[in-house]
PDB file of N, CA and C in Angstrom:
ATOM      1  N   UNK A   1     -36.655   1.414  23.304  1.00  0.00           N
ATOM      2  CA  UNK A   1     -35.514   0.650  22.834  1.00  0.00           C
ATOM      3  C   UNK A   1     -35.334   0.887  21.335  1.00  0.00           C
ATOM      4  N   UNK A   2     -34.134   1.230  20.926  1.00  0.00           N
ATOM      5  CA  UNK A   2     -33.843   1.499  19.519  1.00  0.00           C
ATOM      6  C   UNK A   2     -33.485   0.196  18.795  1.00  0.00           C
ATOM      7  N   UNK A   3     -33.941   0.105  17.569  1.00  0.00           N
ATOM      8  CA  UNK A   3     -33.585  -1.045  16.734  1.00  0.00           C
ATOM      9  C   UNK A   3     -33.153  -0.545  15.365  1.00  0.00           C
ATOM     10  N   UNK A   4     -32.474  -1.392  14.638  1.00  0.00           N
ATOM     11  CA  UNK A   4     -31.999  -1.013  13.308  1.00  0.00           C
ATOM     12  C   UNK A   4     -33.158  -0.712  12.358  1.00  0.00           C
ATOM     13  N   UNK A   5     -34.302  -1.292  12.621  1.00  0.00           N
ATOM     14  CA  UNK A   5     -35.456  -1.076  11.740  1.00  0.00           C
ATOM     15  C   UNK A   5     -35.967   0.358  11.792  1.00  0.00           C
ATOM     16  N   UNK A   6     -35.582   1.112  12.816  1.00  0.00           N
ATOM     17  CA  UNK A   6     -36.003   2.511  12.917  1.00  0.00           C
ATOM     18  C   UNK A   6     -35.116   3.444  12.096  1.00  0.00           C
ATOM     19  N   UNK A   7     -33.971   2.949  11.654  1.00  0.00           N
ATOM     20  CA  UNK A   7     -33.051   3.778  10.877  1.00  0.00           C
ATOM     21  C   UNK A   7     -33.541   3.932   9.442  1.00  0.00           C
ATOM     22  N   UNK A   8     -33.274   5.103   8.843  1.00  0.00           N
ATOM     23  CA  UNK A   8     -33.614   5.273   7.425  1.00  0.00           C
ATOM     24  C   UNK A   8     -32.726   4.370   6.558  1.00  0.00           C
ATOM     25  N   UNK A   9     -33.220   4.026   5.389  1.00  0.00           N
ATOM     26  CA  UNK A   9     -32.473   3.156   4.469  1.00  0.00           C
ATOM     27  C   UNK A   9     -31.081   3.697   4.176  1.00  0.00           C
ATOM     28  N   UNK A  10     -30.961   5.002   4.031  1.00  0.00           N
ATOM     29  CA  UNK A  10     -29.670   5.612   3.698  1.00  0.00           C
ATOM     30  C   UNK A  10     -28.637   5.356   4.792  1.00  0.00           C
ATOM     31  N   UNK A  11     -29.059   5.395   6.037  1.00  0.00           N
ATOM     32  CA  UNK A  11     -28.141   5.154   7.153  1.00  0.00           C
ATOM     33  C   UNK A  11     -27.748   3.676   7.198  1.00  0.00           C
ATOM     34  N   UNK A  12     -28.694   2.808   6.955  1.00  0.00           N
ATOM     35  CA  UNK A  12     -28.387   1.375   6.914  1.00  0.00           C
ATOM     36  C   UNK A  12     -27.378   1.091   5.806  1.00  0.00           C
ATOM     37  N   UNK A  13     -27.543   1.726   4.664  1.00  0.00           N
ATOM     38  CA  UNK A  13     -26.578   1.546   3.566  1.00  0.00           C
ATOM     39  C   UNK A  13     -25.183   1.994   3.983  1.00  0.00           C
ATOM     40  N   UNK A  14     -25.091   3.107   4.672  1.00  0.00           N
ATOM     41  CA  UNK A  14     -23.784   3.584   5.144  1.00  0.00           C
ATOM     42  C   UNK A  14     -23.138   2.566   6.082  1.00  0.00           C
ATOM     43  N   UNK A  15     -23.925   1.972   6.940  1.00  0.00           N
ATOM     44  CA  UNK A  15     -23.405   0.951   7.853  1.00  0.00           C
ATOM     45  C   UNK A  15     -22.919  -0.262   7.062  1.00  0.00           C
ATOM     46  N   UNK A  16     -23.713  -0.694   6.093  1.00  0.00           N
ATOM     47  CA  UNK A  16     -23.367  -1.884   5.314  1.00  0.00           C
ATOM     48  C   UNK A  16     -22.145  -1.673   4.429  1.00  0.00           C
ATOM     49  N   UNK A  17     -21.850  -0.438   4.086  1.00  0.00           N
ATOM     50  CA  UNK A  17     -20.677  -0.143   3.263  1.00  0.00           C
ATOM     51  C   UNK A  17     -19.371  -0.284   4.036  1.00  0.00           C
ATOM     52  N   UNK A  18     -19.449  -0.376   5.346  1.00  0.00           N
ATOM     53  CA  UNK A  18     -18.256  -0.487   6.170  1.00  0.00           C
ATOM     54  C   UNK A  18     -17.440  -1.705   5.756  1.00  0.00           C
ATOM     55  N   UNK A  19     -16.125  -1.544   5.740  1.00  0.00           N
ATOM     56  CA  UNK A  19     -15.233  -2.620   5.293  1.00  0.00           C
ATOM     57  C   UNK A  19     -15.310  -3.867   6.161  1.00  0.00           C
ATOM     58  N   UNK A  20     -15.765  -3.722   7.395  1.00  0.00           N
ATOM     59  CA  UNK A  20     -15.837  -4.891   8.280  1.00  0.00           C
ATOM     60  C   UNK A  20     -17.043  -5.783   7.979  1.00  0.00           C
ATOM     61  N   UNK A  21     -17.956  -5.313   7.128  1.00  0.00           N
ATOM     62  CA  UNK A  21     -19.126  -6.093   6.731  1.00  0.00           C
ATOM     63  C   UNK A  21     -18.774  -6.848   5.446  1.00  0.00           C
ATOM     64  N   UNK A  22     -18.785  -8.160   5.520  1.00  0.00           N
ATOM     65  CA  UNK A  22     -18.417  -8.979   4.352  1.00  0.00           C
ATOM     66  C   UNK A  22     -19.611  -9.183   3.422  1.00  0.00           C
ATOM     67  N   UNK A  23     -19.335  -9.723   2.247  1.00  0.00           N
ATOM     68  CA  UNK A  23     -20.411 -10.056   1.310  1.00  0.00           C
ATOM     69  C   UNK A  23     -21.331 -11.113   1.915  1.00  0.00           C
ATOM     70  N   UNK A  24     -20.738 -12.042   2.647  1.00  0.00           N
ATOM     71  CA  UNK A  24     -21.536 -13.075   3.311  1.00  0.00           C
ATOM     72  C   UNK A  24     -22.457 -12.450   4.361  1.00  0.00           C
ATOM     73  N   UNK A  25     -21.931 -11.458   5.081  1.00  0.00           N
ATOM     74  CA  UNK A  25     -22.754 -10.739   6.061  1.00  0.00           C
ATOM     75  C   UNK A  25     -23.931 -10.057   5.371  1.00  0.00           C
ATOM     76  N   UNK A  26     -23.667  -9.456   4.214  1.00  0.00           N
ATOM     77  CA  UNK A  26     -24.737  -8.788   3.463  1.00  0.00           C
ATOM     78  C   UNK A  26     -25.825  -9.772   3.054  1.00  0.00           C
ATOM     79  N   UNK A  27     -25.414 -10.938   2.599  1.00  0.00           N
ATOM     80  CA  UNK A  27     -26.403 -11.939   2.184  1.00  0.00           C
ATOM     81  C   UNK A  27     -27.230 -12.416   3.374  1.00  0.00           C
ATOM     82  N   UNK A  28     -26.594 -12.590   4.507  1.00  0.00           N
ATOM     83  CA  UNK A  28     -27.327 -12.987   5.713  1.00  0.00           C
ATOM     84  C   UNK A  28     -28.287 -11.892   6.147  1.00  0.00           C
ATOM     85  N   UNK A  29     -27.815 -10.651   6.111  1.00  0.00           N
ATOM     86  CA  UNK A  29     -28.649  -9.506   6.479  1.00  0.00           C
ATOM     87  C   UNK A  29     -29.859  -9.420   5.554  1.00  0.00           C
ATOM     88  N   UNK A  30     -29.639  -9.617   4.276  1.00  0.00           N
ATOM     89  CA  UNK A  30     -30.723  -9.532   3.289  1.00  0.00           C
ATOM     90  C   UNK A  30     -31.793 -10.589   3.527  1.00  0.00           C
ATOM     91  N   UNK A  31     -31.409 -11.700   4.102  1.00  0.00           N
ATOM     92  CA  UNK A  31     -32.368 -12.794   4.301  1.00  0.00           C
ATOM     93  C   UNK A  31     -33.273 -12.597   5.516  1.00  0.00           C
ATOM     94  N   UNK A  32     -33.057 -11.537   6.279  1.00  0.00           N
ATOM     95  CA  UNK A  32     -33.835 -11.353   7.507  1.00  0.00           C
ATOM     96  C   UNK A  32     -35.219 -10.766   7.282  1.00  0.00           C
ATOM     97  N   UNK A  33     -35.375  -9.911   6.265  1.00  0.00           N
ATOM     98  CA  UNK A  33     -36.709  -9.359   5.976  1.00  0.00           C
ATOM     99  C   UNK A  33     -36.712  -8.728   4.579  1.00  0.00           C
ATOM    100  N   UNK A  34     -37.895  -8.483   4.058  1.00  0.00           N
ATOM    101  CA  UNK A  34     -38.024  -7.946   2.695  1.00  0.00           C
ATOM    102  C   UNK A  34     -37.420  -6.554   2.565  1.00  0.00           C
ATOM    103  N   UNK A  35     -37.558  -5.740   3.594  1.00  0.00           N
ATOM    104  CA  UNK A  35     -36.990  -4.387   3.531  1.00  0.00           C
ATOM    105  C   UNK A  35     -35.472  -4.455   3.415  1.00  0.00           C
ATOM    106  N   UNK A  36     -34.843  -5.292   4.225  1.00  0.00           N
ATOM    107  CA  UNK A  36     -33.389  -5.403   4.175  1.00  0.00           C
ATOM    108  C   UNK A  36     -32.934  -6.043   2.870  1.00  0.00           C
ATOM    109  N   UNK A  37     -33.728  -6.941   2.336  1.00  0.00           N
ATOM    110  CA  UNK A  37     -33.412  -7.525   1.033  1.00  0.00           C
ATOM    111  C   UNK A  37     -33.410  -6.428  -0.028  1.00  0.00           C
ATOM    112  N   UNK A  38     -34.388  -5.557   0.032  1.00  0.00           N
ATOM    113  CA  UNK A  38     -34.481  -4.455  -0.920  1.00  0.00           C
ATOM    114  C   UNK A  38     -33.291  -3.503  -0.783  1.00  0.00           C
ATOM    115  N   UNK A  39     -32.931  -3.182   0.447  1.00  0.00           N
ATOM    116  CA  UNK A  39     -31.800  -2.276   0.692  1.00  0.00           C
ATOM    117  C   UNK A  39     -30.512  -2.867   0.126  1.00  0.00           C
ATOM    118  N   UNK A  40     -30.310  -4.153   0.307  1.00  0.00           N
ATOM    119  CA  UNK A  40     -29.058  -4.776  -0.129  1.00  0.00           C
ATOM    120  C   UNK A  40     -29.000  -5.035  -1.628  1.00  0.00           C
ATOM    121  N   UNK A  41     -30.042  -4.738  -2.349  1.00  0.00           N
ATOM    122  CA  UNK A  41     -30.015  -4.884  -3.804  1.00  0.00           C
ATOM    123  C   UNK A  41     -29.460  -3.636  -4.492  1.00  0.00           C
ATOM    124  N   UNK A  42     -28.898  -2.739  -3.719  1.00  0.00           N
ATOM    125  CA  UNK A  42     -28.299  -1.520  -4.235  1.00  0.00           C
ATOM    126  C   UNK A  42     -27.000  -1.862  -4.979  1.00  0.00           C
ATOM    127  N   UNK A  43     -26.933  -1.532  -6.257  1.00  0.00           N
ATOM    128  CA  UNK A  43     -25.757  -1.871  -7.074  1.00  0.00           C
ATOM    129  C   UNK A  43     -24.482  -1.210  -6.579  1.00  0.00           C
ATOM    130  N   UNK A  44     -24.572   0.023  -6.124  1.00  0.00           N
ATOM    131  CA  UNK A  44     -23.369   0.715  -5.642  1.00  0.00           C
ATOM    132  C   UNK A  44     -22.802   0.038  -4.399  1.00  0.00           C
ATOM    133  N   UNK A  45     -23.674  -0.489  -3.564  1.00  0.00           N
ATOM    134  CA  UNK A  45     -23.222  -1.208  -2.372  1.00  0.00           C
ATOM    135  C   UNK A  45     -22.396  -2.426  -2.774  1.00  0.00           C
ATOM    136  N   UNK A  46     -22.889  -3.221  -3.718  1.00  0.00           N
ATOM    137  CA  UNK A  46     -22.172  -4.422  -4.152  1.00  0.00           C
ATOM    138  C   UNK A  46     -20.888  -4.072  -4.890  1.00  0.00           C
ATOM    139  N   UNK A  47     -20.912  -2.976  -5.624  1.00  0.00           N
ATOM    140  CA  UNK A  47     -19.689  -2.530  -6.302  1.00  0.00           C
ATOM    141  C   UNK A  47     -18.616  -2.181  -5.270  1.00  0.00           C
ATOM    142  N   UNK A  48     -19.003  -1.471  -4.225  1.00  0.00           N
ATOM    143  CA  UNK A  48     -18.043  -1.125  -3.169  1.00  0.00           C
ATOM    144  C   UNK A  48     -17.516  -2.376  -2.483  1.00  0.00           C
ATOM    145  N   UNK A  49     -18.402  -3.328  -2.237  1.00  0.00           N
ATOM    146  CA  UNK A  49     -17.974  -4.571  -1.590  1.00  0.00           C
ATOM    147  C   UNK A  49     -16.998  -5.336  -2.483  1.00  0.00           C
ATOM    148  N   UNK A  50     -17.240  -5.330  -3.772  1.00  0.00           N
ATOM    149  CA  UNK A  50     -16.354  -6.016  -4.703  1.00  0.00           C
ATOM    150  C   UNK A  50     -14.945  -5.433  -4.625  1.00  0.00           C
ATOM    151  N   UNK A  51     -14.841  -4.112  -4.590  1.00  0.00           N
ATOM    152  CA  UNK A  51     -13.527  -3.476  -4.564  1.00  0.00           C
ATOM    153  C   UNK A  51     -12.874  -3.509  -3.187  1.00  0.00           C
ATOM    154  N   UNK A  52     -13.634  -3.806  -2.152  1.00  0.00           N
ATOM    155  CA  UNK A  52     -13.064  -3.926  -0.807  1.00  0.00           C
ATOM    156  C   UNK A  52     -12.383  -5.274  -0.598  1.00  0.00           C
ATOM    157  N   UNK A  53     -12.668  -6.240  -1.457  1.00  0.00           N
ATOM    158  CA  UNK A  53     -12.093  -7.581  -1.278  1.00  0.00           C
ATOM    159  C   UNK A  53     -10.597  -7.559  -1.331  1.00  0.00           C
TER     160      UNK A  53
END
């Protein structure tokens, strides 16, 4: 069975950059585990989310 935890960080970032993922979704995702918290601390990701608003 495949899970998101098997994906490389770069692929997870690409998924999170999708316009359908809100800032609130990112914060919820970050709260699930330390690895995801680390991934979501990417400045370019938040910059893209800011301009998608």
